[in-house]
Amino acid sequence: MKPEDKLIDDSLAAEKSCEAMDEFLKSIGMWLNWKDLGINSENAQAIVRNTFRLGDHKCNTRVPDESDVRDMVMYGAYR
């Protein structure tokens, strides 16, 4: 993000922050996907199911459901 970005709409700033994070991860060699980590679809489903075993997610103002978590996991799988 750049100093001039402070003048843009919040939703656009949020989108740009995701792009900035992706670029940062690429620059330090941490842009990984599930295949790079040896995780298959069966493991990914276990990750989704086990996400809700911890109670700390309840501190979030928007508690994700299984579909939300699956979407995030799949994003990491195929990027």
N, C-alpha and C. Protein backbone atom coordinates (compact mmCIF):
# COMPACT_ATOMS: atom_id res chain seq x y z
N MET A 1 0.85 -1.16 0.00
CA MET A 1 0.00 0.00 0.00
C MET A 1 0.90 1.24 0.00
N LYS A 2 0.37 2.28 -0.56
CA LYS A 2 1.12 3.52 -0.70
C LYS A 2 0.43 4.60 0.13
N PRO A 3 1.17 5.63 0.55
CA PRO A 3 0.55 6.70 1.35
C PRO A 3 -0.68 7.31 0.69
N GLU A 4 -0.67 7.44 -0.64
CA GLU A 4 -1.83 8.04 -1.32
C GLU A 4 -3.07 7.15 -1.25
N ASP A 5 -2.89 5.87 -0.91
CA ASP A 5 -4.02 4.95 -0.81
C ASP A 5 -4.94 5.29 0.35
N LYS A 6 -4.49 6.12 1.29
CA LYS A 6 -5.35 6.46 2.42
C LYS A 6 -6.58 7.26 2.00
N LEU A 7 -6.58 7.75 0.77
CA LEU A 7 -7.70 8.54 0.28
C LEU A 7 -8.74 7.72 -0.47
N ILE A 8 -8.52 6.42 -0.62
CA ILE A 8 -9.45 5.61 -1.40
C ILE A 8 -10.53 4.98 -0.52
N ASP A 9 -11.57 4.50 -1.15
CA ASP A 9 -12.69 3.84 -0.50
C ASP A 9 -12.21 2.63 0.32
N ASP A 10 -12.84 2.37 1.46
CA ASP A 10 -12.43 1.27 2.34
C ASP A 10 -12.44 -0.08 1.64
N SER A 11 -13.47 -0.36 0.85
CA SER A 11 -13.54 -1.68 0.20
C SER A 11 -12.42 -1.83 -0.83
N LEU A 12 -12.09 -0.76 -1.54
CA LEU A 12 -10.98 -0.81 -2.48
C LEU A 12 -9.65 -0.95 -1.73
N ALA A 13 -9.54 -0.26 -0.60
CA ALA A 13 -8.32 -0.38 0.21
C ALA A 13 -8.15 -1.80 0.73
N ALA A 14 -9.26 -2.44 1.11
CA ALA A 14 -9.19 -3.82 1.59
C ALA A 14 -8.72 -4.74 0.48
N GLU A 15 -9.24 -4.54 -0.72
CA GLU A 15 -8.83 -5.35 -1.87
C GLU A 15 -7.35 -5.13 -2.17
N LYS A 16 -6.92 -3.88 -2.14
CA LYS A 16 -5.51 -3.57 -2.42
C LYS A 16 -4.60 -4.16 -1.34
N SER A 17 -5.09 -4.22 -0.10
CA SER A 17 -4.26 -4.79 0.97
C SER A 17 -4.03 -6.28 0.74
N CYS A 18 -5.04 -6.98 0.21
CA CYS A 18 -4.86 -8.40 -0.12
C CYS A 18 -3.84 -8.57 -1.23
N GLU A 19 -3.92 -7.70 -2.23
CA GLU A 19 -2.94 -7.75 -3.33
C GLU A 19 -1.53 -7.46 -2.80
N ALA A 20 -1.42 -6.47 -1.91
CA ALA A 20 -0.11 -6.13 -1.33
C ALA A 20 0.45 -7.30 -0.53
N MET A 21 -0.39 -7.98 0.22
CA MET A 21 0.06 -9.13 1.00
C MET A 21 0.52 -10.26 0.08
N ASP A 22 -0.23 -10.51 -0.99
CA ASP A 22 0.17 -11.53 -1.95
C ASP A 22 1.54 -11.21 -2.54
N GLU A 23 1.75 -9.96 -2.92
CA GLU A 23 3.04 -9.56 -3.49
C GLU A 23 4.17 -9.70 -2.48
N PHE A 24 3.89 -9.35 -1.22
CA PHE A 24 4.90 -9.51 -0.17
C PHE A 24 5.27 -10.98 0.01
N LEU A 25 4.26 -11.86 0.09
CA LEU A 25 4.53 -13.29 0.25
C LEU A 25 5.35 -13.83 -0.92
N LYS A 26 5.04 -13.38 -2.13
CA LYS A 26 5.82 -13.80 -3.29
C LYS A 26 7.26 -13.33 -3.17
N SER A 27 7.46 -12.09 -2.71
CA SER A 27 8.80 -11.51 -2.65
C SER A 27 9.70 -12.22 -1.63
N ILE A 28 9.11 -12.85 -0.62
CA ILE A 28 9.94 -13.55 0.38
C ILE A 28 9.88 -15.07 0.23
N GLY A 29 9.33 -15.53 -0.89
CA GLY A 29 9.30 -16.97 -1.17
C GLY A 29 8.30 -17.75 -0.35
N MET A 30 7.27 -17.09 0.16
CA MET A 30 6.26 -17.77 0.98
C MET A 30 4.92 -17.89 0.27
N TRP A 31 4.89 -17.69 -1.06
CA TRP A 31 3.66 -17.83 -1.83
C TRP A 31 3.50 -19.31 -2.12
N LEU A 32 2.79 -20.00 -1.24
CA LEU A 32 2.65 -21.45 -1.32
C LEU A 32 1.20 -21.83 -1.55
N ASN A 33 1.00 -23.02 -2.06
CA ASN A 33 -0.35 -23.57 -2.16
C ASN A 33 -0.35 -24.92 -1.47
N TRP A 34 -1.51 -25.55 -1.40
CA TRP A 34 -1.60 -26.82 -0.68
C TRP A 34 -0.72 -27.89 -1.31
N LYS A 35 -0.63 -27.90 -2.63
CA LYS A 35 0.21 -28.89 -3.30
C LYS A 35 1.67 -28.75 -2.87
N ASP A 36 2.14 -27.50 -2.79
CA ASP A 36 3.51 -27.25 -2.34
C ASP A 36 3.76 -27.81 -0.94
N LEU A 37 2.72 -27.84 -0.13
CA LEU A 37 2.84 -28.31 1.25
C LEU A 37 2.49 -29.79 1.41
N GLY A 38 2.11 -30.44 0.31
CA GLY A 38 1.78 -31.87 0.36
C GLY A 38 0.40 -32.16 0.94
N ILE A 39 -0.50 -31.19 0.85
CA ILE A 39 -1.85 -31.38 1.39
C ILE A 39 -2.79 -31.73 0.25
N ASN A 40 -3.52 -32.85 0.42
CA ASN A 40 -4.48 -33.26 -0.61
C ASN A 40 -5.90 -32.87 -0.19
N SER A 41 -6.89 -33.17 -1.02
CA SER A 41 -8.26 -32.76 -0.73
C SER A 41 -8.81 -33.40 0.55
N GLU A 42 -8.38 -34.62 0.84
CA GLU A 42 -8.83 -35.27 2.08
C GLU A 42 -8.31 -34.51 3.29
N ASN A 43 -7.02 -34.12 3.25
CA ASN A 43 -6.45 -33.33 4.34
C ASN A 43 -7.16 -31.98 4.46
N ALA A 44 -7.47 -31.38 3.32
CA ALA A 44 -8.13 -30.08 3.32
C ALA A 44 -9.50 -30.18 3.99
N GLN A 45 -10.24 -31.24 3.72
CA GLN A 45 -11.55 -31.41 4.36
C GLN A 45 -11.40 -31.58 5.87
N ALA A 46 -10.35 -32.27 6.30
CA ALA A 46 -10.10 -32.43 7.73
C ALA A 46 -9.79 -31.08 8.36
N ILE A 47 -9.05 -30.24 7.65
CA ILE A 47 -8.75 -28.89 8.15
C ILE A 47 -10.04 -28.11 8.33
N VAL A 48 -10.92 -28.19 7.36
CA VAL A 48 -12.20 -27.48 7.45
C VAL A 48 -12.99 -27.97 8.66
N ARG A 49 -13.12 -29.27 8.81
CA ARG A 49 -13.88 -29.83 9.94
C ARG A 49 -13.26 -29.46 11.28
N ASN A 50 -11.95 -29.52 11.38
CA ASN A 50 -11.28 -29.28 12.65
C ASN A 50 -11.18 -27.80 13.03
N THR A 51 -11.47 -26.93 12.10
CA THR A 51 -11.43 -25.50 12.37
C THR A 51 -12.33 -25.14 13.54
N PHE A 52 -13.45 -25.80 13.65
CA PHE A 52 -14.44 -25.43 14.66
C PHE A 52 -14.24 -26.12 16.00
N ARG A 53 -13.19 -26.91 16.14
CA ARG A 53 -12.92 -27.55 17.43
C ARG A 53 -12.38 -26.55 18.46
N LEU A 54 -11.71 -25.51 17.98
CA LEU A 54 -11.18 -24.50 18.88
C LEU A 54 -12.24 -23.44 19.13
N GLY A 55 -12.32 -22.96 20.35
CA GLY A 55 -13.33 -21.96 20.68
C GLY A 55 -12.92 -20.54 20.36
N ASP A 56 -11.66 -20.33 19.97
CA ASP A 56 -11.19 -18.95 19.78
C ASP A 56 -11.82 -18.25 18.59
N HIS A 57 -12.42 -18.99 17.67
CA HIS A 57 -13.07 -18.34 16.53
C HIS A 57 -14.29 -17.54 16.96
N LYS A 58 -14.80 -17.81 18.14
CA LYS A 58 -15.99 -17.12 18.62
C LYS A 58 -15.71 -15.67 19.00
N CYS A 59 -14.44 -15.30 19.10
CA CYS A 59 -14.06 -13.92 19.40
C CYS A 59 -14.23 -13.02 18.18
N ASN A 60 -14.34 -13.61 17.02
CA ASN A 60 -14.48 -12.86 15.79
C ASN A 60 -15.88 -12.27 15.72
N THR A 61 -15.99 -11.06 15.19
CA THR A 61 -17.32 -10.44 15.09
C THR A 61 -18.19 -11.15 14.06
N ARG A 62 -17.55 -11.83 13.10
CA ARG A 62 -18.29 -12.60 12.11
C ARG A 62 -17.76 -14.03 12.15
N VAL A 63 -18.51 -14.92 12.76
CA VAL A 63 -18.07 -16.30 12.88
C VAL A 63 -18.32 -17.01 11.55
N PRO A 64 -17.25 -17.55 10.95
CA PRO A 64 -17.42 -18.22 9.65
C PRO A 64 -18.16 -19.54 9.83
N ASP A 65 -18.88 -19.93 8.80
CA ASP A 65 -19.48 -21.26 8.81
C ASP A 65 -18.59 -22.18 7.97
N GLU A 66 -18.97 -23.44 7.87
CA GLU A 66 -18.14 -24.42 7.17
C GLU A 66 -17.91 -24.03 5.71
N SER A 67 -18.91 -23.46 5.09
CA SER A 67 -18.78 -23.03 3.70
C SER A 67 -17.74 -21.92 3.55
N ASP A 68 -17.72 -20.96 4.49
CA ASP A 68 -16.72 -19.89 4.46
C ASP A 68 -15.31 -20.45 4.58
N VAL A 69 -15.13 -21.36 5.52
CA VAL A 69 -13.81 -21.95 5.73
C VAL A 69 -13.39 -22.76 4.51
N ARG A 70 -14.32 -23.51 3.93
CA ARG A 70 -14.02 -24.30 2.73
C ARG A 70 -13.55 -23.37 1.60
N ASP A 71 -14.22 -22.23 1.44
CA ASP A 71 -13.82 -21.27 0.41
C ASP A 71 -12.38 -20.78 0.64
N MET A 72 -12.04 -20.48 1.88
CA MET A 72 -10.68 -20.02 2.19
C MET A 72 -9.65 -21.12 1.94
N VAL A 73 -9.99 -22.33 2.34
CA VAL A 73 -9.08 -23.46 2.14
C VAL A 73 -8.87 -23.71 0.65
N MET A 74 -9.92 -23.66 -0.12
CA MET A 74 -9.80 -23.90 -1.55
C MET A 74 -9.04 -22.78 -2.25
N TYR A 75 -9.16 -21.55 -1.74
CA TYR A 75 -8.37 -20.45 -2.30
C TYR A 75 -6.87 -20.75 -2.15
N GLY A 76 -6.50 -21.25 -0.99
CA GLY A 76 -5.10 -21.61 -0.76
C GLY A 76 -4.65 -22.81 -1.57
N ALA A 77 -5.59 -23.64 -1.96
CA ALA A 77 -5.24 -24.85 -2.69
C ALA A 77 -4.83 -24.57 -4.12
N TYR A 78 -5.45 -23.61 -4.74
CA TYR A 78 -5.28 -23.44 -6.18
C TYR A 78 -4.66 -22.13 -6.62
N ARG A 79 -4.13 -21.37 -5.71
CA ARG A 79 -3.56 -20.08 -6.13
C ARG A 79 -2.27 -20.25 -6.87
